[in-house]
């Protein structure tokens, strides 16, 4: 499942702040090859939470 590939027919005015927070979490908690399997949260030491 891609987090944000199906955006062409999305009315972004209807997306709540809670939904945006969930999407941010899904994106930033996914391990990255460029970070040697670590997530952006792990790389930044949790700085993305603030």
C-alpha atoms as a PDB file:
ATOM      1  CA  UNK A   1       0.000   0.000   0.000  1.00  0.00           C
ATOM      2  CA  UNK A   2       1.330   3.355  -0.938  1.00  0.00           C
ATOM      3  CA  UNK A   3       0.547   6.088   1.524  1.00  0.00           C
ATOM      4  CA  UNK A   4       0.065   8.930  -0.909  1.00  0.00           C
ATOM      5  CA  UNK A   5      -0.138   7.593  -4.473  1.00  0.00           C
ATOM      6  CA  UNK A   6      -3.938   7.776  -4.732  1.00  0.00           C
ATOM      7  CA  UNK A   7      -4.199  11.553  -4.415  1.00  0.00           C
ATOM      8  CA  UNK A   8      -5.451  12.664  -7.833  1.00  0.00           C
ATOM      9  CA  UNK A   9      -9.153  12.658  -6.920  1.00  0.00           C
ATOM     10  CA  UNK A  10      -8.747  13.539  -3.260  1.00  0.00           C
ATOM     11  CA  UNK A  11     -10.399  16.692  -1.958  1.00  0.00           C
ATOM     12  CA  UNK A  12      -7.712  17.787   0.493  1.00  0.00           C
ATOM     13  CA  UNK A  13     -10.094  20.284   2.103  1.00  0.00           C
ATOM     14  CA  UNK A  14     -11.909  17.304   3.629  1.00  0.00           C
ATOM     15  CA  UNK A  15      -8.832  15.770   5.264  1.00  0.00           C
ATOM     16  CA  UNK A  16      -8.695  16.292   9.017  1.00  0.00           C
ATOM     17  CA  UNK A  17      -5.620  17.159  11.064  1.00  0.00           C
ATOM     18  CA  UNK A  18      -5.930  13.729  12.699  1.00  0.00           C
ATOM     19  CA  UNK A  19      -5.732  12.023   9.299  1.00  0.00           C
ATOM     20  CA  UNK A  20      -2.684  14.104   8.355  1.00  0.00           C
ATOM     21  CA  UNK A  21      -0.980  13.088  11.615  1.00  0.00           C
ATOM     22  CA  UNK A  22      -1.661   9.426  10.835  1.00  0.00           C
ATOM     23  CA  UNK A  23      -0.204   9.774   7.325  1.00  0.00           C
ATOM     24  CA  UNK A  24       2.875  11.535   8.741  1.00  0.00           C
ATOM     25  CA  UNK A  25       3.313   8.666  11.194  1.00  0.00           C
ATOM     26  CA  UNK A  26       3.013   6.057   8.420  1.00  0.00           C
ATOM     27  CA  UNK A  27       5.579   7.855   6.264  1.00  0.00           C
ATOM     28  CA  UNK A  28       8.085   8.526   9.058  1.00  0.00           C
ATOM     29  CA  UNK A  29       7.859   5.101  10.703  1.00  0.00           C
ATOM     30  CA  UNK A  30       8.706   3.193   7.517  1.00  0.00           C
ATOM     31  CA  UNK A  31      12.309   1.901   7.380  1.00  0.00           C
ATOM     32  CA  UNK A  32      14.472   3.428   4.645  1.00  0.00           C
ATOM     33  CA  UNK A  33      17.219   1.738   2.664  1.00  0.00           C
ATOM     34  CA  UNK A  34      19.222   4.984   2.650  1.00  0.00           C
ATOM     35  CA  UNK A  35      19.159   4.948   6.474  1.00  0.00           C
ATOM     36  CA  UNK A  36      20.337   1.317   6.596  1.00  0.00           C
ATOM     37  CA  UNK A  37      16.935   0.015   7.668  1.00  0.00           C
ATOM     38  CA  UNK A  38      16.258   2.701  10.249  1.00  0.00           C
ATOM     39  CA  UNK A  39      13.197   4.915  10.214  1.00  0.00           C
ATOM     40  CA  UNK A  40      13.304   8.719   9.921  1.00  0.00           C
ATOM     41  CA  UNK A  41      12.165   8.817  13.568  1.00  0.00           C
ATOM     42  CA  UNK A  42      15.196   6.752  14.598  1.00  0.00           C
ATOM     43  CA  UNK A  43      17.604   8.799  12.479  1.00  0.00           C
ATOM     44  CA  UNK A  44      16.448  12.128  13.945  1.00  0.00           C
ATOM     45  CA  UNK A  45      16.293  10.789  17.486  1.00  0.00           C
ATOM     46  CA  UNK A  46      12.567  11.478  17.694  1.00  0.00           C
ATOM     47  CA  UNK A  47      12.948  15.130  16.700  1.00  0.00           C
ATOM     48  CA  UNK A  48      10.178  14.624  14.135  1.00  0.00           C
ATOM     49  CA  UNK A  49       7.678  14.285  17.003  1.00  0.00           C
ATOM     50  CA  UNK A  50       8.001  17.915  18.025  1.00  0.00           C
END
